[in-house]
Amino acid sequence: MCDYIDEEAEDSIEQMNALYNQYPVYLWERLEYYLEMILPLQPKFEPGARFGYSNAGFVMLGLVIEAVSGLRYQQYVQESINV
């Protein structure tokens, strides 16, 4: 899996700043918006070679939840998870 910010990289702060300039954070409300950031990226390593946390993986999970439930992710969480 790829990630839109490589938190292991030495230049992760610079990556974040460049990302925020290209994709303003105030637009990050819908999960579909993240696809523009994720789809062009290459995986960091071969599947099964190692494990790495991925924010993008959780975005993809949210998109699956939306597709299966027919609800926006935020609505699904509010209605389905009792805290």
PDB file of N, CA and C in Angstrom:
ATOM      1  N   MET A   1       0.845  -1.178   0.000  1.00  0.00           N
ATOM      2  CA  MET A   1       0.000   0.000   0.000  1.00  0.00           C
ATOM      3  C   MET A   1       0.886   1.234   0.000  1.00  0.00           C
ATOM      4  N   CYS A   2       0.439   2.208  -0.662  1.00  0.00           N
ATOM      5  CA  CYS A   2       1.128   3.495  -0.668  1.00  0.00           C
ATOM      6  C   CYS A   2       0.495   4.390   0.397  1.00  0.00           C
ATOM      7  N   ASP A   3       1.088   5.534   0.590  1.00  0.00           N
ATOM      8  CA  ASP A   3       0.501   6.497   1.504  1.00  0.00           C
ATOM      9  C   ASP A   3       0.807   7.888   0.997  1.00  0.00           C
ATOM     10  N   TYR A   4      -0.105   8.791   1.215  1.00  0.00           N
ATOM     11  CA  TYR A   4       0.069  10.141   0.688  1.00  0.00           C
ATOM     12  C   TYR A   4       1.090  10.942   1.481  1.00  0.00           C
ATOM     13  N   ILE A   5       1.477  10.473   2.661  1.00  0.00           N
ATOM     14  CA  ILE A   5       2.592  11.049   3.408  1.00  0.00           C
ATOM     15  C   ILE A   5       3.440   9.883   3.906  1.00  0.00           C
ATOM     16  N   ASP A   6       4.714   9.877   3.529  1.00  0.00           N
ATOM     17  CA  ASP A   6       5.631   8.843   3.994  1.00  0.00           C
ATOM     18  C   ASP A   6       6.231   9.317   5.311  1.00  0.00           C
ATOM     19  N   GLU A   7       5.630   8.894   6.393  1.00  0.00           N
ATOM     20  CA  GLU A   7       6.045   9.359   7.716  1.00  0.00           C
ATOM     21  C   GLU A   7       7.409   8.831   8.129  1.00  0.00           C
ATOM     22  N   GLU A   8       7.927   7.824   7.405  1.00  0.00           N
ATOM     23  CA  GLU A   8       9.249   7.288   7.692  1.00  0.00           C
ATOM     24  C   GLU A   8      10.354   8.070   6.983  1.00  0.00           C
ATOM     25  N   ALA A   9      10.000   8.888   6.026  1.00  0.00           N
ATOM     26  CA  ALA A   9      10.988   9.620   5.230  1.00  0.00           C
ATOM     27  C   ALA A   9      11.575  10.789   6.023  1.00  0.00           C
ATOM     28  N   GLU A  10      12.835  11.086   5.741  1.00  0.00           N
ATOM     29  CA  GLU A  10      13.489  12.207   6.424  1.00  0.00           C
ATOM     30  C   GLU A  10      12.834  13.539   6.079  1.00  0.00           C
ATOM     31  N   ASP A  11      12.249  13.628   4.895  1.00  0.00           N
ATOM     32  CA  ASP A  11      11.632  14.888   4.465  1.00  0.00           C
ATOM     33  C   ASP A  11      10.110  14.866   4.620  1.00  0.00           C
ATOM     34  N   SER A  12       9.625  14.126   5.612  1.00  0.00           N
ATOM     35  CA  SER A  12       8.170  13.991   5.775  1.00  0.00           C
ATOM     36  C   SER A  12       7.483  15.342   6.006  1.00  0.00           C
ATOM     37  N   ILE A  13       8.129  16.252   6.715  1.00  0.00           N
ATOM     38  CA  ILE A  13       7.540  17.576   6.957  1.00  0.00           C
ATOM     39  C   ILE A  13       7.402  18.327   5.633  1.00  0.00           C
ATOM     40  N   GLU A  14       8.433  18.265   4.809  1.00  0.00           N
ATOM     41  CA  GLU A  14       8.374  18.914   3.498  1.00  0.00           C
ATOM     42  C   GLU A  14       7.294  18.271   2.627  1.00  0.00           C
ATOM     43  N   GLN A  15       7.171  16.936   2.706  1.00  0.00           N
ATOM     44  CA  GLN A  15       6.117  16.235   1.965  1.00  0.00           C
ATOM     45  C   GLN A  15       4.742  16.722   2.396  1.00  0.00           C
ATOM     46  N   MET A  16       4.534  16.856   3.698  1.00  0.00           N
ATOM     47  CA  MET A  16       3.239  17.325   4.196  1.00  0.00           C
ATOM     48  C   MET A  16       2.940  18.730   3.704  1.00  0.00           C
ATOM     49  N   ASN A  17       3.916  19.606   3.784  1.00  0.00           N
ATOM     50  CA  ASN A  17       3.704  20.982   3.328  1.00  0.00           C
ATOM     51  C   ASN A  17       3.373  21.030   1.835  1.00  0.00           C
ATOM     52  N   ALA A  18       4.064  20.243   1.032  1.00  0.00           N
ATOM     53  CA  ALA A  18       3.785  20.197  -0.405  1.00  0.00           C
ATOM     54  C   ALA A  18       2.389  19.640  -0.663  1.00  0.00           C
ATOM     55  N   LEU A  19       2.015  18.619   0.094  1.00  0.00           N
ATOM     56  CA  LEU A  19       0.686  18.022  -0.050  1.00  0.00           C
ATOM     57  C   LEU A  19      -0.401  19.025   0.303  1.00  0.00           C
ATOM     58  N   TYR A  20      -0.218  19.742   1.403  1.00  0.00           N
ATOM     59  CA  TYR A  20      -1.207  20.733   1.825  1.00  0.00           C
ATOM     60  C   TYR A  20      -1.327  21.874   0.818  1.00  0.00           C
ATOM     61  N   ASN A  21      -0.227  22.224   0.176  1.00  0.00           N
ATOM     62  CA  ASN A  21      -0.277  23.266  -0.855  1.00  0.00           C
ATOM     63  C   ASN A  21      -1.027  22.789  -2.090  1.00  0.00           C
ATOM     64  N   GLN A  22      -0.828  21.527  -2.451  1.00  0.00           N
ATOM     65  CA  GLN A  22      -1.489  20.987  -3.642  1.00  0.00           C
ATOM     66  C   GLN A  22      -2.947  20.609  -3.383  1.00  0.00           C
ATOM     67  N   TYR A  23      -3.213  20.077  -2.191  1.00  0.00           N
ATOM     68  CA  TYR A  23      -4.556  19.631  -1.824  1.00  0.00           C
ATOM     69  C   TYR A  23      -4.950  20.311  -0.512  1.00  0.00           C
ATOM     70  N   PRO A  24      -5.578  21.484  -0.574  1.00  0.00           N
ATOM     71  CA  PRO A  24      -5.922  22.217   0.650  1.00  0.00           C
ATOM     72  C   PRO A  24      -6.759  21.374   1.617  1.00  0.00           C
ATOM     73  N   VAL A  25      -6.364  21.394   2.873  1.00  0.00           N
ATOM     74  CA  VAL A  25      -6.991  20.560   3.900  1.00  0.00           C
ATOM     75  C   VAL A  25      -8.484  20.840   4.048  1.00  0.00           C
ATOM     76  N   TYR A  26      -8.906  22.071   3.810  1.00  0.00           N
ATOM     77  CA  TYR A  26     -10.325  22.381   3.979  1.00  0.00           C
ATOM     78  C   TYR A  26     -11.207  21.635   2.975  1.00  0.00           C
ATOM     79  N   LEU A  27     -10.611  21.019   1.969  1.00  0.00           N
ATOM     80  CA  LEU A  27     -11.381  20.228   0.999  1.00  0.00           C
ATOM     81  C   LEU A  27     -11.420  18.742   1.347  1.00  0.00           C
ATOM     82  N   TRP A  28     -10.778  18.328   2.411  1.00  0.00           N
ATOM     83  CA  TRP A  28     -10.637  16.913   2.743  1.00  0.00           C
ATOM     84  C   TRP A  28     -11.852  16.346   3.471  1.00  0.00           C
ATOM     85  N   GLU A  29     -13.038  16.777   3.142  1.00  0.00           N
ATOM     86  CA  GLU A  29     -14.237  16.300   3.834  1.00  0.00           C
ATOM     87  C   GLU A  29     -14.761  14.976   3.289  1.00  0.00           C
ATOM     88  N   ARG A  30     -14.684  14.778   1.985  1.00  0.00           N
ATOM     89  CA  ARG A  30     -15.201  13.552   1.368  1.00  0.00           C
ATOM     90  C   ARG A  30     -14.050  12.604   1.070  1.00  0.00           C
ATOM     91  N   LEU A  31     -14.260  11.320   1.294  1.00  0.00           N
ATOM     92  CA  LEU A  31     -13.202  10.338   1.063  1.00  0.00           C
ATOM     93  C   LEU A  31     -12.760  10.293  -0.398  1.00  0.00           C
ATOM     94  N   GLU A  32     -13.670  10.569  -1.323  1.00  0.00           N
ATOM     95  CA  GLU A  32     -13.315  10.532  -2.743  1.00  0.00           C
ATOM     96  C   GLU A  32     -12.189  11.515  -3.064  1.00  0.00           C
ATOM     97  N   TYR A  33     -12.124  12.602  -2.326  1.00  0.00           N
ATOM     98  CA  TYR A  33     -11.098  13.610  -2.573  1.00  0.00           C
ATOM     99  C   TYR A  33      -9.698  13.028  -2.366  1.00  0.00           C
ATOM    100  N   TYR A  34      -9.566  12.112  -1.413  1.00  0.00           N
ATOM    101  CA  TYR A  34      -8.279  11.495  -1.128  1.00  0.00           C
ATOM    102  C   TYR A  34      -7.778  10.658  -2.296  1.00  0.00           C
ATOM    103  N   LEU A  35      -8.685  10.145  -3.115  1.00  0.00           N
ATOM    104  CA  LEU A  35      -8.267   9.312  -4.241  1.00  0.00           C
ATOM    105  C   LEU A  35      -7.320  10.044  -5.173  1.00  0.00           C
ATOM    106  N   GLU A  36      -7.506  11.347  -5.347  1.00  0.00           N
ATOM    107  CA  GLU A  36      -6.595  12.136  -6.175  1.00  0.00           C
ATOM    108  C   GLU A  36      -5.173  12.073  -5.621  1.00  0.00           C
ATOM    109  N   MET A  37      -5.038  11.977  -4.315  1.00  0.00           N
ATOM    110  CA  MET A  37      -3.723  11.919  -3.680  1.00  0.00           C
ATOM    111  C   MET A  37      -3.147  10.508  -3.713  1.00  0.00           C
ATOM    112  N   ILE A  38      -4.019   9.508  -3.621  1.00  0.00           N
ATOM    113  CA  ILE A  38      -3.580   8.125  -3.441  1.00  0.00           C
ATOM    114  C   ILE A  38      -3.304   7.398  -4.758  1.00  0.00           C
ATOM    115  N   LEU A  39      -4.201   7.519  -5.711  1.00  0.00           N
ATOM    116  CA  LEU A  39      -4.108   6.697  -6.918  1.00  0.00           C
ATOM    117  C   LEU A  39      -2.811   6.841  -7.712  1.00  0.00           C
ATOM    118  N   PRO A  40      -2.218   8.022  -7.825  1.00  0.00           N
ATOM    119  CA  PRO A  40      -0.975   8.119  -8.597  1.00  0.00           C
ATOM    120  C   PRO A  40       0.259   7.535  -7.901  1.00  0.00           C
ATOM    121  N   LEU A  41       0.158   7.179  -6.630  1.00  0.00           N
ATOM    122  CA  LEU A  41       1.322   6.747  -5.857  1.00  0.00           C
ATOM    123  C   LEU A  41       1.673   5.286  -6.091  1.00  0.00           C
ATOM    124  N   GLN A  42       2.957   5.000  -5.985  1.00  0.00           N
ATOM    125  CA  GLN A  42       3.458   3.630  -6.094  1.00  0.00           C
ATOM    126  C   GLN A  42       3.562   3.025  -4.697  1.00  0.00           C
ATOM    127  N   PRO A  43       3.392   1.713  -4.570  1.00  0.00           N
ATOM    128  CA  PRO A  43       3.555   1.072  -3.256  1.00  0.00           C
ATOM    129  C   PRO A  43       4.970   1.273  -2.719  1.00  0.00           C
ATOM    130  N   LYS A  44       5.093   1.351  -1.402  1.00  0.00           N
ATOM    131  CA  LYS A  44       6.397   1.521  -0.767  1.00  0.00           C
ATOM    132  C   LYS A  44       7.220   0.243  -0.805  1.00  0.00           C
ATOM    133  N   PHE A  45       6.553  -0.926  -0.855  1.00  0.00           N
ATOM    134  CA  PHE A  45       7.246  -2.207  -0.878  1.00  0.00           C
ATOM    135  C   PHE A  45       6.298  -3.254  -1.448  1.00  0.00           C
ATOM    136  N   GLU A  46       6.852  -4.396  -1.790  1.00  0.00           N
ATOM    137  CA  GLU A  46       6.053  -5.490  -2.352  1.00  0.00           C
ATOM    138  C   GLU A  46       5.072  -6.027  -1.307  1.00  0.00           C
ATOM    139  N   PRO A  47       3.856  -6.392  -1.736  1.00  0.00           N
ATOM    140  CA  PRO A  47       2.902  -6.966  -0.781  1.00  0.00           C
ATOM    141  C   PRO A  47       3.500  -8.183  -0.063  1.00  0.00           C
ATOM    142  N   GLY A  48       3.337  -8.204   1.236  1.00  0.00           N
ATOM    143  CA  GLY A  48       3.843  -9.299   2.049  1.00  0.00           C
ATOM    144  C   GLY A  48       5.297  -9.164   2.463  1.00  0.00           C
ATOM    145  N   ALA A  49       6.018  -8.181   1.904  1.00  0.00           N
ATOM    146  CA  ALA A  49       7.439  -8.022   2.229  1.00  0.00           C
ATOM    147  C   ALA A  49       7.641  -7.469   3.633  1.00  0.00           C
ATOM    148  N   ARG A  50       6.770  -6.567   4.050  1.00  0.00           N
ATOM    149  CA  ARG A  50       6.853  -5.987   5.383  1.00  0.00           C
ATOM    150  C   ARG A  50       5.529  -5.299   5.699  1.00  0.00           C
ATOM    151  N   PHE A  51       5.430  -4.783   6.891  1.00  0.00           N
ATOM    152  CA  PHE A  51       4.224  -4.087   7.323  1.00  0.00           C
ATOM    153  C   PHE A  51       4.535  -2.614   7.482  1.00  0.00           C
ATOM    154  N   GLY A  52       3.588  -1.774   7.125  1.00  0.00           N
ATOM    155  CA  GLY A  52       3.724  -0.346   7.349  1.00  0.00           C
ATOM    156  C   GLY A  52       2.349   0.273   7.522  1.00  0.00           C
ATOM    157  N   TYR A  53       2.221   1.157   8.490  1.00  0.00           N
ATOM    158  CA  TYR A  53       0.962   1.860   8.693  1.00  0.00           C
ATOM    159  C   TYR A  53       0.669   2.712   7.473  1.00  0.00           C
ATOM    160  N   SER A  54      -0.596   2.796   7.110  1.00  0.00           N
ATOM    161  CA  SER A  54      -0.976   3.573   5.937  1.00  0.00           C
ATOM    162  C   SER A  54      -2.280   4.317   6.199  1.00  0.00           C
ATOM    163  N   ASN A  55      -2.199   5.646   6.230  1.00  0.00           N
ATOM    164  CA  ASN A  55      -3.420   6.445   6.303  1.00  0.00           C
ATOM    165  C   ASN A  55      -4.306   6.138   5.111  1.00  0.00           C
ATOM    166  N   ALA A  56      -3.689   5.961   3.951  1.00  0.00           N
ATOM    167  CA  ALA A  56      -4.437   5.688   2.724  1.00  0.00           C
ATOM    168  C   ALA A  56      -5.234   4.385   2.838  1.00  0.00           C
ATOM    169  N   GLY A  57      -4.706   3.419   3.558  1.00  0.00           N
ATOM    170  CA  GLY A  57      -5.428   2.165   3.757  1.00  0.00           C
ATOM    171  C   GLY A  57      -6.745   2.386   4.493  1.00  0.00           C
ATOM    172  N   PHE A  58      -6.745   3.286   5.457  1.00  0.00           N
ATOM    173  CA  PHE A  58      -7.967   3.581   6.190  1.00  0.00           C
ATOM    174  C   PHE A  58      -8.947   4.394   5.349  1.00  0.00           C
ATOM    175  N   VAL A  59      -8.430   5.219   4.454  1.00  0.00           N
ATOM    176  CA  VAL A  59      -9.304   5.926   3.513  1.00  0.00           C
ATOM    177  C   VAL A  59     -10.000   4.905   2.619  1.00  0.00           C
ATOM    178  N   MET A  60      -9.229   3.937   2.122  1.00  0.00           N
ATOM    179  CA  MET A  60      -9.810   2.904   1.260  1.00  0.00           C
ATOM    180  C   MET A  60     -10.856   2.088   2.030  1.00  0.00           C
ATOM    181  N   LEU A  61     -10.578   1.777   3.280  1.00  0.00           N
ATOM    182  CA  LEU A  61     -11.548   1.067   4.122  1.00  0.00           C
ATOM    183  C   LEU A  61     -12.828   1.881   4.257  1.00  0.00           C
ATOM    184  N   GLY A  62     -12.702   3.180   4.472  1.00  0.00           N
ATOM    185  CA  GLY A  62     -13.879   4.047   4.557  1.00  0.00           C
ATOM    186  C   GLY A  62     -14.682   4.039   3.272  1.00  0.00           C
ATOM    187  N   LEU A  63     -14.004   4.014   2.125  1.00  0.00           N
ATOM    188  CA  LEU A  63     -14.710   3.959   0.834  1.00  0.00           C
ATOM    189  C   LEU A  63     -15.454   2.635   0.673  1.00  0.00           C
ATOM    190  N   VAL A  64     -14.871   1.543   1.167  1.00  0.00           N
ATOM    191  CA  VAL A  64     -15.556   0.245   1.127  1.00  0.00           C
ATOM    192  C   VAL A  64     -16.797   0.289   2.011  1.00  0.00           C
ATOM    193  N   ILE A  65     -16.679   0.860   3.199  1.00  0.00           N
ATOM    194  CA  ILE A  65     -17.827   0.988   4.104  1.00  0.00           C
ATOM    195  C   ILE A  65     -18.933   1.798   3.436  1.00  0.00           C
ATOM    196  N   GLU A  66     -18.568   2.892   2.762  1.00  0.00           N
ATOM    197  CA  GLU A  66     -19.579   3.702   2.067  1.00  0.00           C
ATOM    198  C   GLU A  66     -20.252   2.906   0.957  1.00  0.00           C
ATOM    199  N   ALA A  67     -19.467   2.156   0.188  1.00  0.00           N
ATOM    200  CA  ALA A  67     -20.026   1.393  -0.929  1.00  0.00           C
ATOM    201  C   ALA A  67     -20.972   0.302  -0.440  1.00  0.00           C
ATOM    202  N   VAL A  68     -20.605  -0.370   0.631  1.00  0.00           N
ATOM    203  CA  VAL A  68     -21.425  -1.472   1.147  1.00  0.00           C
ATOM    204  C   VAL A  68     -22.658  -0.972   1.883  1.00  0.00           C
ATOM    205  N   SER A  69     -22.497   0.083   2.680  1.00  0.00           N
ATOM    206  CA  SER A  69     -23.604   0.560   3.517  1.00  0.00           C
ATOM    207  C   SER A  69     -24.539   1.521   2.790  1.00  0.00           C
ATOM    208  N   GLY A  70     -24.034   2.184   1.740  1.00  0.00           N
ATOM    209  CA  GLY A  70     -24.843   3.196   1.059  1.00  0.00           C
ATOM    210  C   GLY A  70     -24.905   4.509   1.819  1.00  0.00           C
ATOM    211  N   LEU A  71     -24.112   4.635   2.875  1.00  0.00           N
ATOM    212  CA  LEU A  71     -24.079   5.847   3.700  1.00  0.00           C
ATOM    213  C   LEU A  71     -22.701   6.498   3.601  1.00  0.00           C
ATOM    214  N   ARG A  72     -22.632   7.804   3.876  1.00  0.00           N
ATOM    215  CA  ARG A  72     -21.328   8.440   4.019  1.00  0.00           C
ATOM    216  C   ARG A  72     -20.656   7.844   5.244  1.00  0.00           C
ATOM    217  N   TYR A  73     -19.354   7.762   5.218  1.00  0.00           N
ATOM    218  CA  TYR A  73     -18.597   7.137   6.300  1.00  0.00           C
ATOM    219  C   TYR A  73     -18.956   7.737   7.661  1.00  0.00           C
ATOM    220  N   GLN A  74     -18.969   9.071   7.726  1.00  0.00           N
ATOM    221  CA  GLN A  74     -19.273   9.729   8.995  1.00  0.00           C
ATOM    222  C   GLN A  74     -20.657   9.350   9.501  1.00  0.00           C
ATOM    223  N   GLN A  75     -21.625   9.279   8.604  1.00  0.00           N
ATOM    224  CA  GLN A  75     -22.984   8.905   8.987  1.00  0.00           C
ATOM    225  C   GLN A  75     -23.023   7.455   9.457  1.00  0.00           C
ATOM    226  N   TYR A  76     -22.322   6.577   8.755  1.00  0.00           N
ATOM    227  CA  TYR A  76     -22.288   5.183   9.145  1.00  0.00           C
ATOM    228  C   TYR A  76     -21.725   5.013  10.551  1.00  0.00           C
ATOM    229  N   VAL A  77     -20.637   5.694  10.831  1.00  0.00           N
ATOM    230  CA  VAL A  77     -20.018   5.599  12.154  1.00  0.00           C
ATOM    231  C   VAL A  77     -20.983   6.108  13.229  1.00  0.00           C
ATOM    232  N   GLN A  78     -21.616   7.249  12.977  1.00  0.00           N
ATOM    233  CA  GLN A  78     -22.530   7.810  13.958  1.00  0.00           C
ATOM    234  C   GLN A  78     -23.708   6.885  14.222  1.00  0.00           C
ATOM    235  N   GLU A  79     -24.221   6.242  13.181  1.00  0.00           N
ATOM    236  CA  GLU A  79     -25.411   5.401  13.342  1.00  0.00           C
ATOM    237  C   GLU A  79     -25.111   3.985  13.785  1.00  0.00           C
ATOM    238  N   SER A  80     -23.910   3.509  13.522  1.00  0.00           N
ATOM    239  CA  SER A  80     -23.623   2.085  13.727  1.00  0.00           C
ATOM    240  C   SER A  80     -22.742   1.773  14.927  1.00  0.00           C
ATOM    241  N   ILE A  81     -22.018   2.751  15.385  1.00  0.00           N
ATOM    242  CA  ILE A  81     -21.096   2.487  16.504  1.00  0.00           C
ATOM    243  C   ILE A  81     -21.606   3.231  17.730  1.00  0.00           C
ATOM    244  N   ASN A  82     -22.009   2.464  18.715  1.00  0.00           N
ATOM    245  CA  ASN A  82     -22.513   3.042  19.964  1.00  0.00           C
ATOM    246  C   ASN A  82     -21.335   3.234  20.919  1.00  0.00           C
ATOM    247  N   VAL A  83     -21.108   4.475  21.269  1.00  0.00           N
ATOM    248  CA  VAL A  83     -19.993   4.762  22.191  1.00  0.00           C
ATOM    249  C   VAL A  83     -20.559   5.155  23.533  1.00  0.00           C
TER     250      VAL A  83
END
